[in-house]
């Protein structure tokens, strides 16, 4: 079940080859913008990582290098 525009102002759908995002145009608020984040068959974490970065950008809660604290999306190598 996708999150709806009524919930957050953005709609996210998990589709067969990645994600689609739909949201109001930042300047007009009325014209819908649709973005596609495609999976990379060689990197299964690429699409979810891009989705997280895009959401941080959309909601402007990532911060900047000048902030005392900020959020990041980090990949870590697994064990073994």
PDB file of N, CA and C in Angstrom:
ATOM      1  N   UNK A   1       0.848  -1.178   0.000  1.00  0.00           N
ATOM      2  CA  UNK A   1       0.000   0.000   0.000  1.00  0.00           C
ATOM      3  C   UNK A   1       0.895   1.244   0.000  1.00  0.00           C
ATOM      4  N   UNK A   2       0.750   2.126  -0.986  1.00  0.00           N
ATOM      5  CA  UNK A   2       1.602   3.316  -1.042  1.00  0.00           C
ATOM      6  C   UNK A   2       1.194   4.346   0.010  1.00  0.00           C
ATOM      7  N   UNK A   3       2.160   5.138   0.433  1.00  0.00           N
ATOM      8  CA  UNK A   3       1.837   6.303   1.247  1.00  0.00           C
ATOM      9  C   UNK A   3       1.148   7.289   0.324  1.00  0.00           C
ATOM     10  N   UNK A   4       0.198   8.035   0.844  1.00  0.00           N
ATOM     11  CA  UNK A   4      -0.575   8.913  -0.033  1.00  0.00           C
ATOM     12  C   UNK A   4      -0.191  10.371   0.153  1.00  0.00           C
ATOM     13  N   UNK A   5      -0.600  11.174  -0.810  1.00  0.00           N
ATOM     14  CA  UNK A   5      -0.359  12.610  -0.757  1.00  0.00           C
ATOM     15  C   UNK A   5      -1.031  13.239   0.448  1.00  0.00           C
ATOM     16  N   UNK A   6      -2.152  12.677   0.880  1.00  0.00           N
ATOM     17  CA  UNK A   6      -2.842  13.210   2.049  1.00  0.00           C
ATOM     18  C   UNK A   6      -2.003  13.048   3.314  1.00  0.00           C
ATOM     19  N   UNK A   7      -1.168  12.014   3.354  1.00  0.00           N
ATOM     20  CA  UNK A   7      -0.358  11.755   4.542  1.00  0.00           C
ATOM     21  C   UNK A   7       0.811  12.722   4.665  1.00  0.00           C
ATOM     22  N   UNK A   8       1.560  12.930   3.593  1.00  0.00           N
ATOM     23  CA  UNK A   8       2.797  13.683   3.685  1.00  0.00           C
ATOM     24  C   UNK A   8       3.035  14.680   2.555  1.00  0.00           C
ATOM     25  N   UNK A   9       2.143  14.786   1.602  1.00  0.00           N
ATOM     26  CA  UNK A   9       2.386  15.660   0.473  1.00  0.00           C
ATOM     27  C   UNK A   9       3.221  14.995  -0.601  1.00  0.00           C
ATOM     28  N   UNK A  10       3.473  13.697  -0.452  1.00  0.00           N
ATOM     29  CA  UNK A  10       4.248  12.954  -1.436  1.00  0.00           C
ATOM     30  C   UNK A  10       3.689  11.530  -1.492  1.00  0.00           C
ATOM     31  N   UNK A  11       3.708  10.972  -2.678  1.00  0.00           N
ATOM     32  CA  UNK A  11       3.241   9.593  -2.860  1.00  0.00           C
ATOM     33  C   UNK A  11       4.428   8.754  -3.297  1.00  0.00           C
ATOM     34  N   UNK A  12       4.653   7.638  -2.626  1.00  0.00           N
ATOM     35  CA  UNK A  12       5.762   6.746  -2.941  1.00  0.00           C
ATOM     36  C   UNK A  12       5.184   5.375  -3.249  1.00  0.00           C
ATOM     37  N   UNK A  13       5.564   4.838  -4.405  1.00  0.00           N
ATOM     38  CA  UNK A  13       5.130   3.488  -4.775  1.00  0.00           C
ATOM     39  C   UNK A  13       6.353   2.633  -5.043  1.00  0.00           C
ATOM     40  N   UNK A  14       6.328   1.440  -4.481  1.00  0.00           N
ATOM     41  CA  UNK A  14       7.356   0.455  -4.766  1.00  0.00           C
ATOM     42  C   UNK A  14       6.873  -0.314  -5.991  1.00  0.00           C
ATOM     43  N   UNK A  15       7.570  -0.140  -7.109  1.00  0.00           N
ATOM     44  CA  UNK A  15       7.183  -0.794  -8.354  1.00  0.00           C
ATOM     45  C   UNK A  15       8.204  -1.881  -8.685  1.00  0.00           C
ATOM     46  N   UNK A  16       7.954  -2.618  -9.734  1.00  0.00           N
ATOM     47  CA  UNK A  16       8.789  -3.782 -10.045  1.00  0.00           C
ATOM     48  C   UNK A  16      10.254  -3.451 -10.284  1.00  0.00           C
ATOM     49  N   UNK A  17      10.553  -2.245 -10.736  1.00  0.00           N
ATOM     50  CA  UNK A  17      11.952  -1.904 -11.035  1.00  0.00           C
ATOM     51  C   UNK A  17      12.483  -0.747 -10.185  1.00  0.00           C
ATOM     52  N   UNK A  18      11.876  -0.492  -9.023  1.00  0.00           N
ATOM     53  CA  UNK A  18      12.347   0.572  -8.158  1.00  0.00           C
ATOM     54  C   UNK A  18      11.210   1.285  -7.451  1.00  0.00           C
ATOM     55  N   UNK A  19      11.213   2.613  -7.514  1.00  0.00           N
ATOM     56  CA  UNK A  19      10.211   3.426  -6.824  1.00  0.00           C
ATOM     57  C   UNK A  19       9.753   4.560  -7.729  1.00  0.00           C
ATOM     58  N   UNK A  20       8.499   4.945  -7.570  1.00  0.00           N
ATOM     59  CA  UNK A  20       8.017   6.170  -8.195  1.00  0.00           C
ATOM     60  C   UNK A  20       7.595   7.123  -7.080  1.00  0.00           C
ATOM     61  N   UNK A  21       7.901   8.382  -7.271  1.00  0.00           N
ATOM     62  CA  UNK A  21       7.527   9.425  -6.325  1.00  0.00           C
ATOM     63  C   UNK A  21       6.685  10.439  -7.075  1.00  0.00           C
ATOM     64  N   UNK A  22       5.626  10.904  -6.436  1.00  0.00           N
ATOM     65  CA  UNK A  22       4.760  11.920  -7.025  1.00  0.00           C
ATOM     66  C   UNK A  22       4.498  12.981  -5.971  1.00  0.00           C
ATOM     67  N   UNK A  23       4.692  14.235  -6.333  1.00  0.00           N
ATOM     68  CA  UNK A  23       4.524  15.305  -5.363  1.00  0.00           C
ATOM     69  C   UNK A  23       4.191  16.607  -6.083  1.00  0.00           C
ATOM     70  N   UNK A  24       3.668  17.596  -5.344  1.00  0.00           N
ATOM     71  CA  UNK A  24       3.346  18.876  -5.957  1.00  0.00           C
ATOM     72  C   UNK A  24       4.614  19.614  -6.370  1.00  0.00           C
ATOM     73  N   UNK A  25       4.527  20.348  -7.446  1.00  0.00           N
ATOM     74  CA  UNK A  25       5.651  21.161  -7.899  1.00  0.00           C
ATOM     75  C   UNK A  25       5.992  22.166  -6.806  1.00  0.00           C
ATOM     76  N   UNK A  26       7.287  22.321  -6.455  1.00  0.00           N
ATOM     77  CA  UNK A  26       7.648  23.203  -5.342  1.00  0.00           C
ATOM     78  C   UNK A  26       7.267  24.672  -5.530  1.00  0.00           C
ATOM     79  N   UNK A  27       7.155  25.131  -6.769  1.00  0.00           N
ATOM     80  CA  UNK A  27       6.828  26.547  -6.996  1.00  0.00           C
ATOM     81  C   UNK A  27       5.333  26.796  -7.092  1.00  0.00           C
ATOM     82  N   UNK A  28       4.619  25.928  -7.795  1.00  0.00           N
ATOM     83  CA  UNK A  28       3.189  26.175  -7.995  1.00  0.00           C
ATOM     84  C   UNK A  28       2.325  25.412  -7.008  1.00  0.00           C
ATOM     85  N   UNK A  29       2.809  24.265  -6.547  1.00  0.00           N
ATOM     86  CA  UNK A  29       2.031  23.446  -5.630  1.00  0.00           C
ATOM     87  C   UNK A  29       0.885  22.720  -6.293  1.00  0.00           C
ATOM     88  N   UNK A  30       0.675  22.954  -7.580  1.00  0.00           N
ATOM     89  CA  UNK A  30      -0.461  22.355  -8.261  1.00  0.00           C
ATOM     90  C   UNK A  30      -0.059  21.360  -9.341  1.00  0.00           C
ATOM     91  N   UNK A  31       0.998  21.650 -10.059  1.00  0.00           N
ATOM     92  CA  UNK A  31       1.414  20.758 -11.138  1.00  0.00           C
ATOM     93  C   UNK A  31       2.180  19.598 -10.514  1.00  0.00           C
ATOM     94  N   UNK A  32       1.778  18.384 -10.807  1.00  0.00           N
ATOM     95  CA  UNK A  32       2.404  17.214 -10.189  1.00  0.00           C
ATOM     96  C   UNK A  32       3.709  16.870 -10.887  1.00  0.00           C
ATOM     97  N   UNK A  33       4.681  16.550 -10.090  1.00  0.00           N
ATOM     98  CA  UNK A  33       5.985  16.123 -10.583  1.00  0.00           C
ATOM     99  C   UNK A  33       6.109  14.644 -10.259  1.00  0.00           C
ATOM    100  N   UNK A  34       6.574  13.870 -11.206  1.00  0.00           N
ATOM    101  CA  UNK A  34       6.790  12.445 -10.954  1.00  0.00           C
ATOM    102  C   UNK A  34       8.252  12.122 -11.200  1.00  0.00           C
ATOM    103  N   UNK A  35       8.849  11.425 -10.247  1.00  0.00           N
ATOM    104  CA  UNK A  35      10.233  10.982 -10.362  1.00  0.00           C
ATOM    105  C   UNK A  35      10.273   9.469 -10.292  1.00  0.00           C
ATOM    106  N   UNK A  36      11.230   8.900 -10.971  1.00  0.00           N
ATOM    107  CA  UNK A  36      11.437   7.452 -10.928  1.00  0.00           C
ATOM    108  C   UNK A  36      12.836   7.196 -10.387  1.00  0.00           C
ATOM    109  N   UNK A  37      12.915   6.319  -9.427  1.00  0.00           N
ATOM    110  CA  UNK A  37      14.204   5.860  -8.909  1.00  0.00           C
ATOM    111  C   UNK A  37      14.305   4.396  -9.303  1.00  0.00           C
ATOM    112  N   UNK A  38      15.188   4.123 -10.257  1.00  0.00           N
ATOM    113  CA  UNK A  38      15.289   2.770 -10.802  1.00  0.00           C
ATOM    114  C   UNK A  38      16.275   1.915 -10.031  1.00  0.00           C
ATOM    115  N   UNK A  39      15.949   0.620  -9.952  1.00  0.00           N
ATOM    116  CA  UNK A  39      16.860  -0.337  -9.343  1.00  0.00           C
ATOM    117  C   UNK A  39      18.092  -0.505 -10.215  1.00  0.00           C
ATOM    118  N   UNK A  40      19.185  -0.881  -9.596  1.00  0.00           N
ATOM    119  CA  UNK A  40      20.426  -1.213 -10.290  1.00  0.00           C
ATOM    120  C   UNK A  40      20.657  -2.697 -10.057  1.00  0.00           C
ATOM    121  N   UNK A  41      20.627  -3.477 -11.118  1.00  0.00           N
ATOM    122  CA  UNK A  41      20.747  -4.931 -10.955  1.00  0.00           C
ATOM    123  C   UNK A  41      22.074  -5.358 -10.347  1.00  0.00           C
ATOM    124  N   UNK A  42      23.072  -4.477 -10.384  1.00  0.00           N
ATOM    125  CA  UNK A  42      24.382  -4.799  -9.820  1.00  0.00           C
ATOM    126  C   UNK A  42      24.549  -4.273  -8.393  1.00  0.00           C
ATOM    127  N   UNK A  43      23.596  -3.484  -7.932  1.00  0.00           N
ATOM    128  CA  UNK A  43      23.693  -2.881  -6.603  1.00  0.00           C
ATOM    129  C   UNK A  43      22.295  -2.823  -5.982  1.00  0.00           C
ATOM    130  N   UNK A  44      21.922  -3.841  -5.200  1.00  0.00           N
ATOM    131  CA  UNK A  44      20.562  -3.895  -4.649  1.00  0.00           C
ATOM    132  C   UNK A  44      20.250  -2.798  -3.629  1.00  0.00           C
ATOM    133  N   UNK A  45      21.260  -2.119  -3.110  1.00  0.00           N
ATOM    134  CA  UNK A  45      21.011  -1.041  -2.146  1.00  0.00           C
ATOM    135  C   UNK A  45      20.911   0.340  -2.790  1.00  0.00           C
ATOM    136  N   UNK A  46      21.213   0.443  -4.072  1.00  0.00           N
ATOM    137  CA  UNK A  46      21.244   1.746  -4.738  1.00  0.00           C
ATOM    138  C   UNK A  46      19.884   2.454  -4.720  1.00  0.00           C
ATOM    139  N   UNK A  47      18.814   1.777  -5.101  1.00  0.00           N
ATOM    140  CA  UNK A  47      17.498   2.420  -5.166  1.00  0.00           C
ATOM    141  C   UNK A  47      16.997   2.829  -3.783  1.00  0.00           C
ATOM    142  N   UNK A  48      17.060   1.952  -2.772  1.00  0.00           N
ATOM    143  CA  UNK A  48      16.625   2.401  -1.442  1.00  0.00           C
ATOM    144  C   UNK A  48      17.471   3.558  -0.902  1.00  0.00           C
ATOM    145  N   UNK A  49      18.761   3.532  -1.191  1.00  0.00           N
ATOM    146  CA  UNK A  49      19.640   4.611  -0.754  1.00  0.00           C
ATOM    147  C   UNK A  49      19.243   5.934  -1.421  1.00  0.00           C
ATOM    148  N   UNK A  50      18.999   5.907  -2.725  1.00  0.00           N
ATOM    149  CA  UNK A  50      18.573   7.114  -3.446  1.00  0.00           C
ATOM    150  C   UNK A  50      17.227   7.615  -2.928  1.00  0.00           C
ATOM    151  N   UNK A  51      16.329   6.677  -2.619  1.00  0.00           N
ATOM    152  CA  UNK A  51      15.022   7.052  -2.084  1.00  0.00           C
ATOM    153  C   UNK A  51      15.176   7.792  -0.755  1.00  0.00           C
ATOM    154  N   UNK A  52      16.005   7.284   0.138  1.00  0.00           N
ATOM    155  CA  UNK A  52      16.214   7.938   1.425  1.00  0.00           C
ATOM    156  C   UNK A  52      16.821   9.334   1.260  1.00  0.00           C
ATOM    157  N   UNK A  53      17.817   9.465   0.381  1.00  0.00           N
ATOM    158  CA  UNK A  53      18.411  10.784   0.130  1.00  0.00           C
ATOM    159  C   UNK A  53      17.374  11.747  -0.441  1.00  0.00           C
ATOM    160  N   UNK A  54      16.529  11.253  -1.351  1.00  0.00           N
ATOM    161  CA  UNK A  54      15.517  12.115  -1.983  1.00  0.00           C
ATOM    162  C   UNK A  54      14.485  12.579  -0.961  1.00  0.00           C
ATOM    163  N   UNK A  55      14.077  11.685  -0.061  1.00  0.00           N
ATOM    164  CA  UNK A  55      13.117  12.068   0.971  1.00  0.00           C
ATOM    165  C   UNK A  55      13.718  13.100   1.921  1.00  0.00           C
ATOM    166  N   UNK A  56      14.982  12.936   2.262  1.00  0.00           N
ATOM    167  CA  UNK A  56      15.646  13.914   3.120  1.00  0.00           C
ATOM    168  C   UNK A  56      15.691  15.278   2.432  1.00  0.00           C
ATOM    169  N   UNK A  57      15.946  15.266   1.137  1.00  0.00           N
ATOM    170  CA  UNK A  57      15.971  16.520   0.379  1.00  0.00           C
ATOM    171  C   UNK A  57      14.577  17.143   0.316  1.00  0.00           C
ATOM    172  N   UNK A  58      13.564  16.329   0.024  1.00  0.00           N
ATOM    173  CA  UNK A  58      12.190  16.816  -0.106  1.00  0.00           C
ATOM    174  C   UNK A  58      11.706  17.468   1.187  1.00  0.00           C
ATOM    175  N   UNK A  59      11.952  16.809   2.310  1.00  0.00           N
ATOM    176  CA  UNK A  59      11.483  17.316   3.600  1.00  0.00           C
ATOM    177  C   UNK A  59      12.486  18.254   4.279  1.00  0.00           C
ATOM    178  N   UNK A  60      13.605  18.492   3.643  1.00  0.00           N
ATOM    179  CA  UNK A  60      14.664  19.394   4.124  1.00  0.00           C
ATOM    180  C   UNK A  60      15.076  19.117   5.570  1.00  0.00           C
ATOM    181  N   UNK A  61      15.305  17.827   5.892  1.00  0.00           N
ATOM    182  CA  UNK A  61      15.771  17.525   7.237  1.00  0.00           C
ATOM    183  C   UNK A  61      17.127  16.845   7.265  1.00  0.00           C
ATOM    184  N   UNK A  62      17.851  16.912   6.191  1.00  0.00           N
ATOM    185  CA  UNK A  62      19.184  16.324   6.174  1.00  0.00           C
ATOM    186  C   UNK A  62      20.230  17.199   6.841  1.00  0.00           C
ATOM    187  N   UNK A  63      20.034  18.501   6.785  1.00  0.00           N
ATOM    188  CA  UNK A  63      21.006  19.422   7.344  1.00  0.00           C
ATOM    189  C   UNK A  63      22.126  19.710   6.357  1.00  0.00           C
ATOM    190  N   UNK A  64      23.074  20.537   6.799  1.00  0.00           N
ATOM    191  CA  UNK A  64      24.222  20.882   5.978  1.00  0.00           C
ATOM    192  C   UNK A  64      25.491  20.626   6.771  1.00  0.00           C
ATOM    193  N   UNK A  65      26.620  20.761   6.113  1.00  0.00           N
ATOM    194  CA  UNK A  65      27.890  20.535   6.796  1.00  0.00           C
ATOM    195  C   UNK A  65      28.138  21.581   7.876  1.00  0.00           C
ATOM    196  N   UNK A  66      27.405  22.676   7.856  1.00  0.00           N
ATOM    197  CA  UNK A  66      27.572  23.740   8.834  1.00  0.00           C
ATOM    198  C   UNK A  66      26.719  23.538  10.088  1.00  0.00           C
ATOM    199  N   UNK A  67      25.773  22.601  10.036  1.00  0.00           N
ATOM    200  CA  UNK A  67      24.925  22.336  11.196  1.00  0.00           C
ATOM    201  C   UNK A  67      25.691  21.558  12.260  1.00  0.00           C
ATOM    202  N   UNK A  68      25.317  21.763  13.504  1.00  0.00           N
ATOM    203  CA  UNK A  68      25.958  21.049  14.603  1.00  0.00           C
ATOM    204  C   UNK A  68      25.737  19.544  14.468  1.00  0.00           C
ATOM    205  N   UNK A  69      24.536  19.161  14.051  1.00  0.00           N
ATOM    206  CA  UNK A  69      24.196  17.753  13.810  1.00  0.00           C
ATOM    207  C   UNK A  69      23.430  17.664  12.502  1.00  0.00           C
ATOM    208  N   UNK A  70      23.519  16.522  11.862  1.00  0.00           N
ATOM    209  CA  UNK A  70      22.759  16.304  10.632  1.00  0.00           C
ATOM    210  C   UNK A  70      22.544  14.813  10.438  1.00  0.00           C
ATOM    211  N   UNK A  71      21.593  14.478   9.604  1.00  0.00           N
ATOM    212  CA  UNK A  71      21.313  13.087   9.267  1.00  0.00           C
ATOM    213  C   UNK A  71      22.128  12.683   8.045  1.00  0.00           C
ATOM    214  N   UNK A  72      22.489  11.411   7.994  1.00  0.00           N
ATOM    215  CA  UNK A  72      23.211  10.879   6.840  1.00  0.00           C
ATOM    216  C   UNK A  72      22.672   9.493   6.518  1.00  0.00           C
ATOM    217  N   UNK A  73      22.854   9.096   5.296  1.00  0.00           N
ATOM    218  CA  UNK A  73      22.575   7.724   4.870  1.00  0.00           C
ATOM    219  C   UNK A  73      23.947   7.094   4.661  1.00  0.00           C
ATOM    220  N   UNK A  74      24.235   6.049   5.401  1.00  0.00           N
ATOM    221  CA  UNK A  74      25.577   5.453   5.378  1.00  0.00           C
ATOM    222  C   UNK A  74      25.471   3.972   5.082  1.00  0.00           C
ATOM    223  N   UNK A  75      26.344   3.504   4.203  1.00  0.00           N
ATOM    224  CA  UNK A  75      26.469   2.070   3.949  1.00  0.00           C
ATOM    225  C   UNK A  75      27.589   1.527   4.802  1.00  0.00           C
ATOM    226  N   UNK A  76      27.350   0.353   5.352  1.00  0.00           N
ATOM    227  CA  UNK A  76      28.389  -0.310   6.128  1.00  0.00           C
ATOM    228  C   UNK A  76      28.587  -1.708   5.580  1.00  0.00           C
ATOM    229  N   UNK A  77      29.816  -2.147   5.597  1.00  0.00           N
ATOM    230  CA  UNK A  77      30.104  -3.516   5.172  1.00  0.00           C
ATOM    231  C   UNK A  77      29.530  -4.474   6.191  1.00  0.00           C
ATOM    232  N   UNK A  78      28.994  -5.574   5.701  1.00  0.00           N
ATOM    233  CA  UNK A  78      28.444  -6.593   6.581  1.00  0.00           C
ATOM    234  C   UNK A  78      29.525  -7.419   7.253  1.00  0.00           C
ATOM    235  N   UNK A  79      29.136  -8.196   8.199  1.00  0.00           N
ATOM    236  CA  UNK A  79      30.081  -9.065   8.902  1.00  0.00           C
ATOM    237  C   UNK A  79      30.501 -10.235   8.026  1.00  0.00           C
ATOM    238  N   UNK A  80      31.289 -11.059   8.569  1.00  0.00           N
ATOM    239  CA  UNK A  80      31.823 -12.286   7.937  1.00  0.00           C
ATOM    240  C   UNK A  80      32.454 -12.063   6.623  1.00  0.00           C
TER     241      UNK A  80
END
